[in-house]
Amino acid sequence: MPKRHSQRAEDLRRALAQEAARIMAEHGIEDFLQAKRKAADRLGVNDAAVLPKNVEIEDALRAHLRLFGRDSHDHSLKEQRRIALGAMQALKDFQPRLVGSVLAGTATYHSDINLHLFADRSETVAIHLLESGIPYELFERRVKMDAEHSVNYPALRFDANGQTVDATVFPVDGIRQSPYSPVDGRPMRRADVKEVSDLIES
């Protein structure tokens, strides 16, 4: 009996991960918790114990994107990476790093490009954008730096070739410590200009 119950819970967890992935892919939701809650609501699940982990949803999202519209996904991902590279080259003075779904390959058509920049003052980045004729929106992003601490950092949102770029500005020495990934809780993967260029070529 316990084994049957365990298998049922596992099947339900997998179904929730697949539904959350479908919601993220089709509705442009990037927040794992929001997608998880919507999936649970649609499947009528009230037991938090069977909710999938973010990494399980990311795996399901990757599978979903491969299965449905692989060619269109490959094309849009490559274009997003090209736009990201252009933005990074324009912001080269701030040691830009690409992070998030565009780097991981799980970006959907709706996904923003996420960058990490490094500067003594966020105003320096803002002035650079103004001088380049790029309108931007300034806001704050809460970033988890370790298991117990989260920090608010300034961030700028702007448009690049019709794609939204979200750039979080860390102190110059912040390049040494990558924040925790919301997917697996490990230090977030960051890619510099050369790595992104190599990704596009491959």
Protein backbone atom coordinates (compact mmCIF):
# COMPACT_ATOMS: atom_id res chain seq x y z
CA MET A 1 0.00 0.00 0.00
CA PRO A 2 2.69 2.54 0.89
CA LYS A 3 4.49 1.68 -2.37
CA ARG A 4 1.33 2.32 -4.40
CA HIS A 5 0.79 5.61 -2.57
CA SER A 6 4.41 6.57 -3.23
CA GLN A 7 4.06 5.82 -6.96
CA ARG A 8 0.83 7.83 -7.12
CA ALA A 9 2.53 10.79 -5.46
CA GLU A 10 5.44 10.51 -7.89
CA ASP A 11 3.09 10.42 -10.90
CA LEU A 12 1.25 13.46 -9.55
CA ARG A 13 4.52 15.32 -8.99
CA ARG A 14 5.54 14.59 -12.59
CA ALA A 15 2.15 15.73 -13.92
CA LEU A 16 2.43 18.96 -11.90
CA ALA A 17 5.94 19.60 -13.24
CA GLN A 18 4.74 19.07 -16.83
CA GLU A 19 1.72 21.34 -16.34
CA ALA A 20 3.84 24.05 -14.69
CA ALA A 21 6.28 23.79 -17.61
CA ARG A 22 3.44 24.12 -20.13
CA ILE A 23 2.15 27.20 -18.31
CA MET A 24 5.62 28.78 -18.35
CA ALA A 25 6.12 28.01 -22.03
CA GLU A 26 2.71 29.14 -23.27
CA HIS A 27 1.93 32.05 -20.95
CA GLY A 28 5.35 33.60 -20.46
CA ILE A 29 5.42 33.03 -16.70
CA GLU A 30 9.00 32.95 -15.40
CA ASP A 31 8.27 32.63 -11.69
CA PHE A 32 8.49 28.96 -10.73
CA LEU A 33 6.30 29.34 -7.63
CA GLN A 34 3.56 31.08 -9.59
CA ALA A 35 3.61 28.39 -12.30
CA LYS A 36 3.62 25.69 -9.62
CA ARG A 37 0.57 27.18 -7.90
CA LYS A 38 -1.32 27.56 -11.17
CA ALA A 39 -0.54 23.94 -12.08
CA ALA A 40 -1.72 22.73 -8.67
CA ASP A 41 -4.91 24.75 -9.02
CA ARG A 42 -5.64 23.36 -12.51
CA LEU A 43 -5.04 19.78 -11.40
CA GLY A 44 -6.94 20.24 -8.14
CA VAL A 45 -3.94 19.42 -5.94
CA ASN A 46 -3.91 20.73 -2.37
CA ASP A 47 -1.06 18.67 -0.94
CA ALA A 48 2.12 20.80 -0.85
CA ALA A 49 4.17 17.64 -0.25
CA VAL A 50 3.74 16.54 -3.88
CA LEU A 51 4.68 19.87 -5.45
CA PRO A 52 7.69 19.47 -7.75
CA LYS A 53 11.02 21.17 -7.14
CA ASN A 54 12.04 24.03 -9.42
CA VAL A 55 14.74 21.90 -11.03
CA GLU A 56 12.10 19.28 -11.93
CA ILE A 57 10.00 21.97 -13.59
CA GLU A 58 13.04 23.26 -15.48
CA ASP A 59 13.72 19.74 -16.77
CA ALA A 60 10.07 19.42 -17.82
CA LEU A 61 10.24 22.82 -19.52
CA ARG A 62 13.32 21.79 -21.46
CA ALA A 63 11.53 18.61 -22.58
CA HIS A 64 8.40 20.59 -23.50
CA LEU A 65 10.39 23.01 -25.65
CA ARG A 66 12.13 20.10 -27.41
CA LEU A 67 8.85 18.33 -28.06
CA PHE A 68 6.75 21.29 -29.17
CA GLY A 69 8.20 23.60 -31.78
CA ARG A 70 11.85 22.69 -31.46
CA ASP A 71 12.87 24.55 -34.63
CA SER A 72 11.05 27.75 -33.64
CA HIS A 73 12.48 27.52 -30.12
CA ASP A 74 16.03 27.06 -31.43
CA HIS A 75 15.57 30.07 -33.71
CA SER A 76 14.12 32.36 -31.02
CA LEU A 77 16.76 31.26 -28.47
CA LYS A 78 19.57 32.01 -30.90
CA GLU A 79 18.06 35.42 -31.62
CA GLN A 80 17.72 36.16 -27.90
CA ARG A 81 21.37 35.24 -27.41
CA ARG A 82 22.39 37.47 -30.33
CA ILE A 83 20.49 40.39 -28.78
CA ALA A 84 22.02 39.60 -25.38
CA LEU A 85 25.49 39.62 -26.93
CA GLY A 86 24.83 43.00 -28.56
CA ALA A 87 23.66 44.46 -25.24
CA MET A 88 26.70 43.00 -23.47
CA GLN A 89 29.06 44.50 -26.04
CA ALA A 90 27.35 47.88 -25.59
CA LEU A 91 27.82 47.55 -21.82
CA LYS A 92 31.34 46.11 -21.97
CA ASP A 93 32.67 48.67 -19.45
CA PHE A 94 30.59 46.95 -16.75
CA GLN A 95 31.92 43.37 -17.25
CA PRO A 96 28.47 42.03 -18.28
CA ARG A 97 27.46 38.45 -17.64
CA LEU A 98 24.47 36.64 -19.11
CA VAL A 99 22.41 34.64 -16.60
CA GLY A 100 19.03 32.93 -16.44
CA SER A 101 16.89 31.14 -18.97
CA VAL A 102 18.48 32.62 -22.12
CA LEU A 103 21.81 31.20 -20.98
CA ALA A 104 20.32 27.91 -19.74
CA GLY A 105 18.45 27.34 -23.01
CA THR A 106 15.01 27.25 -21.37
CA ALA A 107 13.91 30.72 -22.49
CA THR A 108 10.54 30.98 -24.18
CA TYR A 109 9.46 33.59 -26.70
CA HIS A 110 8.25 35.71 -23.76
CA SER A 111 11.42 35.51 -21.65
CA ASP A 112 13.47 38.57 -20.74
CA ILE A 113 17.24 38.69 -21.15
CA ASN A 114 18.89 38.82 -17.72
CA LEU A 115 22.31 40.40 -17.27
CA HIS A 116 24.58 41.00 -14.29
CA LEU A 117 26.64 44.19 -14.46
CA PHE A 118 29.39 45.40 -12.11
CA ALA A 119 29.95 49.04 -11.20
CA ASP A 120 30.82 51.24 -8.23
CA ARG A 121 27.51 53.06 -8.70
CA SER A 122 24.39 52.13 -10.63
CA GLU A 123 24.18 55.76 -11.77
CA THR A 124 27.22 55.10 -13.97
CA VAL A 125 25.25 52.49 -15.90
CA ALA A 126 22.22 54.78 -16.09
CA ILE A 127 24.33 57.64 -17.50
CA HIS A 128 25.87 55.28 -20.05
CA LEU A 129 22.38 54.25 -21.25
CA LEU A 130 21.23 57.88 -21.41
CA GLU A 131 24.30 58.89 -23.41
CA SER A 132 23.59 55.99 -25.78
CA GLY A 133 20.00 57.22 -26.23
CA ILE A 134 18.50 54.17 -24.53
CA PRO A 135 15.47 54.83 -22.29
CA TYR A 136 15.39 52.70 -19.16
CA GLU A 137 13.37 51.95 -16.05
CA LEU A 138 15.15 51.84 -12.69
CA PHE A 139 13.98 49.39 -10.02
CA GLU A 140 15.30 47.11 -7.26
CA ARG A 141 15.82 43.37 -7.45
CA ARG A 142 16.04 41.17 -4.37
CA VAL A 143 18.81 38.64 -4.83
CA LYS A 144 19.56 35.61 -2.64
CA MET A 145 23.28 35.65 -1.92
CA ASP A 146 23.41 32.56 0.28
CA ALA A 147 21.09 30.22 2.18
CA GLU A 148 20.21 32.89 4.77
CA HIS A 149 20.78 36.30 3.22
CA SER A 150 19.02 38.23 0.46
CA VAL A 151 20.14 41.68 -0.72
CA ASN A 152 18.41 44.40 -2.75
CA TYR A 153 20.44 45.57 -5.74
CA PRO A 154 19.62 48.32 -8.25
CA ALA A 155 18.49 47.08 -11.65
CA LEU A 156 17.69 48.67 -14.99
CA ARG A 157 15.18 47.50 -17.55
CA PHE A 158 15.46 48.59 -21.17
CA ASP A 159 14.59 47.48 -24.69
CA ALA A 160 17.08 45.98 -27.13
CA ASN A 161 15.78 45.13 -30.61
CA GLY A 162 12.28 44.52 -29.27
CA GLN A 163 13.53 42.34 -26.41
CA THR A 164 13.37 43.37 -22.74
CA VAL A 165 16.73 43.34 -20.97
CA ASP A 166 16.85 43.25 -17.17
CA ALA A 167 20.29 44.21 -15.88
CA THR A 168 21.07 43.91 -12.16
CA VAL A 169 23.98 46.08 -11.00
CA PHE A 170 26.34 44.53 -8.44
CA PRO A 171 29.36 46.17 -6.80
CA VAL A 172 32.60 45.68 -8.74
CA ASP A 173 33.77 42.94 -6.37
CA GLY A 174 30.39 41.20 -6.73
CA ILE A 175 31.82 39.44 -9.76
CA ARG A 176 33.59 37.07 -7.34
CA GLN A 177 30.39 35.75 -5.74
CA SER A 178 27.49 34.61 -7.87
CA PRO A 179 24.06 34.73 -6.18
CA TYR A 180 22.00 31.61 -5.63
CA SER A 181 19.96 30.33 -8.56
CA PRO A 182 16.19 30.25 -7.97
CA VAL A 183 16.16 26.93 -9.84
CA ASP A 184 18.53 24.73 -7.83
CA GLY A 185 19.81 26.92 -4.99
CA ARG A 186 23.39 26.69 -6.25
CA PRO A 187 25.60 29.61 -7.33
CA MET A 188 24.11 31.01 -10.51
CA ARG A 189 25.91 30.29 -13.76
CA ARG A 190 27.25 33.43 -15.44
CA ALA A 191 28.60 33.72 -18.99
CA ASP A 192 30.84 36.48 -20.33
CA VAL A 193 30.90 37.90 -23.86
CA LYS A 194 33.19 35.18 -25.23
CA GLU A 195 31.10 32.36 -23.76
CA VAL A 196 27.88 33.81 -25.20
CA SER A 197 29.55 34.30 -28.57
CA ASP A 198 30.71 30.66 -28.51
CA LEU A 199 27.16 29.53 -27.62
CA ILE A 200 25.77 31.34 -30.65
CA GLU A 201 28.41 29.88 -32.97
CA SER A 202 27.78 26.36 -31.72
